[in-house]
Amino acid sequence: MAGSRRWAATTASAPEKFGIMLMRIMVGVVFLMHGYQKWFMLKVAGTVDMFGHLHMPPSAAYATMTAELICGALLVLGLLTRLAAIPIVVVMAVAVYAVHLPYGFFISYKPVVQGYEYPLTLGIAALGLIFTGPGMLAADNLLA
């Protein structure tokens, strides 16, 4: 019971750190799952093929799937948050510019996601983590 009171008091005294934590964990989960999907569901060959259809080299596929998986996990843990967010920002900037920009802002599904609102939002959220740090309940806080 004392632990829950301490948690409530900490959250009430620093709601912005709680909000940043929620954002960090959600962004981390999204990228962890996308990295997992590329490595273990699409598999390397499928991911490389998908990137090939976008006129991107296999090295871009490997870099993206690795960054998404590892940096996503680091964000969930709140470990090396600022450093882990950098590759995510780069991946999303490339996705916006090289893939989604010609289709306009709004997401449409004809036959695949085309607009850039989703990758832009994720990229800006990751950029925000570079500036703010991890928020609450982060391994980074234990290292400081």
C-alpha atoms as a PDB file:
ATOM      1  CA  MET A   1       0.000   0.000   0.000  1.00  0.00           C
ATOM      2  CA  ALA A   2       2.820   2.392   0.811  1.00  0.00           C
ATOM      3  CA  GLY A   3       4.318   1.767  -2.621  1.00  0.00           C
ATOM      4  CA  SER A   4       1.095   2.739  -4.380  1.00  0.00           C
ATOM      5  CA  ARG A   5       0.859   5.939  -2.321  1.00  0.00           C
ATOM      6  CA  ARG A   6       4.456   6.775  -3.156  1.00  0.00           C
ATOM      7  CA  TRP A   7       3.736   6.133  -6.863  1.00  0.00           C
ATOM      8  CA  ALA A   8       0.638   8.362  -6.761  1.00  0.00           C
ATOM      9  CA  ALA A   9       2.544  11.125  -4.987  1.00  0.00           C
ATOM     10  CA  THR A  10       5.420  10.926  -7.455  1.00  0.00           C
ATOM     11  CA  THR A  11       3.053  10.980 -10.423  1.00  0.00           C
ATOM     12  CA  ALA A  12       1.091  13.915  -9.002  1.00  0.00           C
ATOM     13  CA  SER A  13       4.258  15.908  -8.322  1.00  0.00           C
ATOM     14  CA  ALA A  14       5.661  15.381 -11.828  1.00  0.00           C
ATOM     15  CA  PRO A  15       2.821  14.744 -14.291  1.00  0.00           C
ATOM     16  CA  GLU A  16       4.977  15.820 -17.242  1.00  0.00           C
ATOM     17  CA  LYS A  17       7.464  13.030 -16.471  1.00  0.00           C
ATOM     18  CA  PHE A  18       4.581  10.558 -16.318  1.00  0.00           C
ATOM     19  CA  GLY A  19       3.315  11.805 -19.702  1.00  0.00           C
ATOM     20  CA  ILE A  20       6.778  11.530 -21.245  1.00  0.00           C
ATOM     21  CA  MET A  21       7.056   7.991 -19.893  1.00  0.00           C
ATOM     22  CA  LEU A  22       3.757   7.049 -21.541  1.00  0.00           C
ATOM     23  CA  MET A  23       4.916   8.525 -24.854  1.00  0.00           C
ATOM     24  CA  ARG A  24       8.322   6.801 -24.613  1.00  0.00           C
ATOM     25  CA  ILE A  25       6.819   3.398 -23.889  1.00  0.00           C
ATOM     26  CA  MET A  26       4.210   3.651 -26.654  1.00  0.00           C
ATOM     27  CA  VAL A  27       6.727   4.826 -29.265  1.00  0.00           C
ATOM     28  CA  GLY A  28       9.053   2.052 -28.125  1.00  0.00           C
ATOM     29  CA  VAL A  29       6.340  -0.608 -28.410  1.00  0.00           C
ATOM     30  CA  VAL A  30       5.411   0.564 -31.922  1.00  0.00           C
ATOM     31  CA  PHE A  31       9.014   0.330 -33.124  1.00  0.00           C
ATOM     32  CA  LEU A  32       9.755  -2.890 -31.276  1.00  0.00           C
ATOM     33  CA  MET A  33       6.738  -4.492 -32.951  1.00  0.00           C
ATOM     34  CA  HIS A  34       7.613  -3.114 -36.397  1.00  0.00           C
ATOM     35  CA  GLY A  35      11.184  -4.367 -36.022  1.00  0.00           C
ATOM     36  CA  TYR A  36       9.893  -7.742 -34.854  1.00  0.00           C
ATOM     37  CA  GLN A  37       7.558  -7.868 -37.837  1.00  0.00           C
ATOM     38  CA  LYS A  38      10.384  -7.160 -40.277  1.00  0.00           C
ATOM     39  CA  TRP A  39      12.831  -9.648 -38.713  1.00  0.00           C
ATOM     40  CA  PHE A  40      10.555 -12.538 -37.780  1.00  0.00           C
ATOM     41  CA  MET A  41       7.316 -12.304 -39.777  1.00  0.00           C
ATOM     42  CA  LEU A  42       8.350 -10.816 -43.122  1.00  0.00           C
ATOM     43  CA  LYS A  43      11.805 -12.301 -42.568  1.00  0.00           C
ATOM     44  CA  VAL A  44      14.973 -10.724 -43.919  1.00  0.00           C
ATOM     45  CA  ALA A  45      14.271 -11.715 -47.532  1.00  0.00           C
ATOM     46  CA  GLY A  46      10.754 -10.281 -47.430  1.00  0.00           C
ATOM     47  CA  THR A  47      11.924  -7.040 -45.855  1.00  0.00           C
ATOM     48  CA  VAL A  48      14.783  -6.662 -48.340  1.00  0.00           C
ATOM     49  CA  ASP A  49      12.313  -7.340 -51.158  1.00  0.00           C
ATOM     50  CA  MET A  50       9.885  -4.728 -49.807  1.00  0.00           C
ATOM     51  CA  PHE A  51      12.688  -2.152 -49.628  1.00  0.00           C
ATOM     52  CA  GLY A  52      13.763  -3.140 -53.141  1.00  0.00           C
ATOM     53  CA  HIS A  53      10.292  -2.271 -54.423  1.00  0.00           C
ATOM     54  CA  LEU A  54      10.839   1.150 -52.856  1.00  0.00           C
ATOM     55  CA  HIS A  55      14.161   1.433 -54.733  1.00  0.00           C
ATOM     56  CA  MET A  56      16.150   1.172 -51.525  1.00  0.00           C
ATOM     57  CA  PRO A  57      19.246  -0.999 -51.046  1.00  0.00           C
ATOM     58  CA  PRO A  58      19.362  -4.071 -48.806  1.00  0.00           C
ATOM     59  CA  SER A  59      21.570  -2.141 -46.372  1.00  0.00           C
ATOM     60  CA  ALA A  60      18.645   0.248 -45.753  1.00  0.00           C
ATOM     61  CA  ALA A  61      16.404  -2.719 -44.945  1.00  0.00           C
ATOM     62  CA  TYR A  62      18.918  -4.162 -42.474  1.00  0.00           C
ATOM     63  CA  ALA A  63      19.524  -0.771 -40.847  1.00  0.00           C
ATOM     64  CA  THR A  64      15.811  -0.065 -40.527  1.00  0.00           C
ATOM     65  CA  MET A  65      14.777  -3.419 -39.129  1.00  0.00           C
ATOM     66  CA  THR A  66      17.676  -3.434 -36.664  1.00  0.00           C
ATOM     67  CA  ALA A  67      17.060   0.147 -35.527  1.00  0.00           C
ATOM     68  CA  GLU A  68      13.359  -0.501 -35.056  1.00  0.00           C
ATOM     69  CA  LEU A  69      13.854  -3.682 -33.029  1.00  0.00           C
ATOM     70  CA  ILE A  70      16.771  -2.633 -30.834  1.00  0.00           C
ATOM     71  CA  CYS A  71      15.915   1.042 -30.380  1.00  0.00           C
ATOM     72  CA  GLY A  72      12.273   0.169 -29.774  1.00  0.00           C
ATOM     73  CA  ALA A  73      13.305  -2.190 -26.967  1.00  0.00           C
ATOM     74  CA  LEU A  74      15.641   0.429 -25.510  1.00  0.00           C
ATOM     75  CA  LEU A  75      12.836   2.993 -25.504  1.00  0.00           C
ATOM     76  CA  VAL A  76      10.470   0.614 -23.723  1.00  0.00           C
ATOM     77  CA  LEU A  77      13.116   0.061 -21.053  1.00  0.00           C
ATOM     78  CA  GLY A  78      14.061   3.725 -20.931  1.00  0.00           C
ATOM     79  CA  LEU A  79      17.676   2.733 -21.493  1.00  0.00           C
ATOM     80  CA  LEU A  80      19.890   5.129 -23.455  1.00  0.00           C
ATOM     81  CA  THR A  81      16.670   6.886 -24.403  1.00  0.00           C
ATOM     82  CA  ARG A  82      18.152   9.935 -26.107  1.00  0.00           C
ATOM     83  CA  LEU A  83      20.622   7.862 -28.125  1.00  0.00           C
ATOM     84  CA  ALA A  84      18.010   5.222 -29.004  1.00  0.00           C
ATOM     85  CA  ALA A  85      15.651   7.890 -30.320  1.00  0.00           C
ATOM     86  CA  ILE A  86      18.184   9.198 -32.869  1.00  0.00           C
ATOM     87  CA  PRO A  87      18.008   6.214 -35.293  1.00  0.00           C
ATOM     88  CA  ILE A  88      14.212   6.269 -34.976  1.00  0.00           C
ATOM     89  CA  VAL A  89      14.148   9.925 -36.028  1.00  0.00           C
ATOM     90  CA  VAL A  90      16.409   9.126 -38.992  1.00  0.00           C
ATOM     91  CA  VAL A  91      14.329   6.109 -40.073  1.00  0.00           C
ATOM     92  CA  MET A  92      11.117   8.144 -39.916  1.00  0.00           C
ATOM     93  CA  ALA A  93      12.671  11.112 -41.763  1.00  0.00           C
ATOM     94  CA  VAL A  94      13.728   8.778 -44.578  1.00  0.00           C
ATOM     95  CA  ALA A  95      10.296   7.113 -44.578  1.00  0.00           C
ATOM     96  CA  VAL A  96       8.530  10.479 -44.833  1.00  0.00           C
ATOM     97  CA  TYR A  97      10.816  11.823 -47.542  1.00  0.00           C
ATOM     98  CA  ALA A  98      11.492   8.726 -49.637  1.00  0.00           C
ATOM     99  CA  VAL A  99       8.198   6.853 -49.349  1.00  0.00           C
ATOM    100  CA  HIS A 100       5.216   8.818 -48.038  1.00  0.00           C
ATOM    101  CA  LEU A 101       5.695  12.462 -49.050  1.00  0.00           C
ATOM    102  CA  PRO A 102       4.351  12.174 -52.623  1.00  0.00           C
ATOM    103  CA  TYR A 103       1.005  10.899 -51.284  1.00  0.00           C
ATOM    104  CA  GLY A 104       0.220  13.933 -49.139  1.00  0.00           C
ATOM    105  CA  PHE A 105      -0.413  14.289 -45.438  1.00  0.00           C
ATOM    106  CA  PHE A 106      -3.354  11.984 -44.781  1.00  0.00           C
ATOM    107  CA  ILE A 107      -3.113   8.232 -44.384  1.00  0.00           C
ATOM    108  CA  SER A 108      -4.966   6.334 -47.049  1.00  0.00           C
ATOM    109  CA  TYR A 109      -5.059   2.611 -47.639  1.00  0.00           C
ATOM    110  CA  LYS A 110      -4.996   2.183 -51.407  1.00  0.00           C
ATOM    111  CA  PRO A 111      -3.693  -0.564 -51.229  1.00  0.00           C
ATOM    112  CA  VAL A 112      -1.041   0.370 -48.639  1.00  0.00           C
ATOM    113  CA  VAL A 113      -0.525   3.195 -46.162  1.00  0.00           C
ATOM    114  CA  GLN A 114       0.564   6.178 -48.202  1.00  0.00           C
ATOM    115  CA  GLY A 115       0.310   9.543 -46.424  1.00  0.00           C
ATOM    116  CA  TYR A 116       3.062  10.800 -44.142  1.00  0.00           C
ATOM    117  CA  GLU A 117       1.074  11.753 -41.018  1.00  0.00           C
ATOM    118  CA  TYR A 118       1.882   8.523 -39.139  1.00  0.00           C
ATOM    119  CA  PRO A 119       5.654   8.363 -39.728  1.00  0.00           C
ATOM    120  CA  LEU A 120       5.908  12.125 -39.163  1.00  0.00           C
ATOM    121  CA  THR A 121       4.079  11.816 -35.835  1.00  0.00           C
ATOM    122  CA  LEU A 122       6.314   8.959 -34.688  1.00  0.00           C
ATOM    123  CA  GLY A 123       9.439  10.788 -35.807  1.00  0.00           C
ATOM    124  CA  ILE A 124       8.470  13.972 -33.972  1.00  0.00           C
ATOM    125  CA  ALA A 125       7.599  11.971 -30.845  1.00  0.00           C
ATOM    126  CA  ALA A 126      11.056  10.363 -30.970  1.00  0.00           C
ATOM    127  CA  LEU A 127      12.617  13.790 -31.516  1.00  0.00           C
ATOM    128  CA  GLY A 128      10.762  14.998 -28.439  1.00  0.00           C
ATOM    129  CA  LEU A 129      12.353  12.181 -26.426  1.00  0.00           C
ATOM    130  CA  ILE A 130      15.794  13.388 -27.490  1.00  0.00           C
ATOM    131  CA  PHE A 131      14.990  16.759 -25.923  1.00  0.00           C
ATOM    132  CA  THR A 132      13.099  15.577 -22.831  1.00  0.00           C
ATOM    133  CA  GLY A 133      14.750  12.323 -21.859  1.00  0.00           C
ATOM    134  CA  PRO A 134      12.895   9.221 -20.674  1.00  0.00           C
ATOM    135  CA  GLY A 135      10.475  10.474 -18.055  1.00  0.00           C
ATOM    136  CA  MET A 136       9.582   8.191 -15.148  1.00  0.00           C
ATOM    137  CA  LEU A 137      10.329   4.480 -14.647  1.00  0.00           C
ATOM    138  CA  ALA A 138      13.349   4.387 -16.909  1.00  0.00           C
ATOM    139  CA  ALA A 139      16.635   2.541 -16.632  1.00  0.00           C
ATOM    140  CA  ASP A 140      18.313   5.852 -17.515  1.00  0.00           C
ATOM    141  CA  ASN A 141      17.160   7.226 -14.161  1.00  0.00           C
ATOM    142  CA  LEU A 142      19.069   4.474 -12.378  1.00  0.00           C
ATOM    143  CA  LEU A 143      22.226   5.310 -14.319  1.00  0.00           C
ATOM    144  CA  ALA A 144      22.124   9.040 -13.544  1.00  0.00           C
END
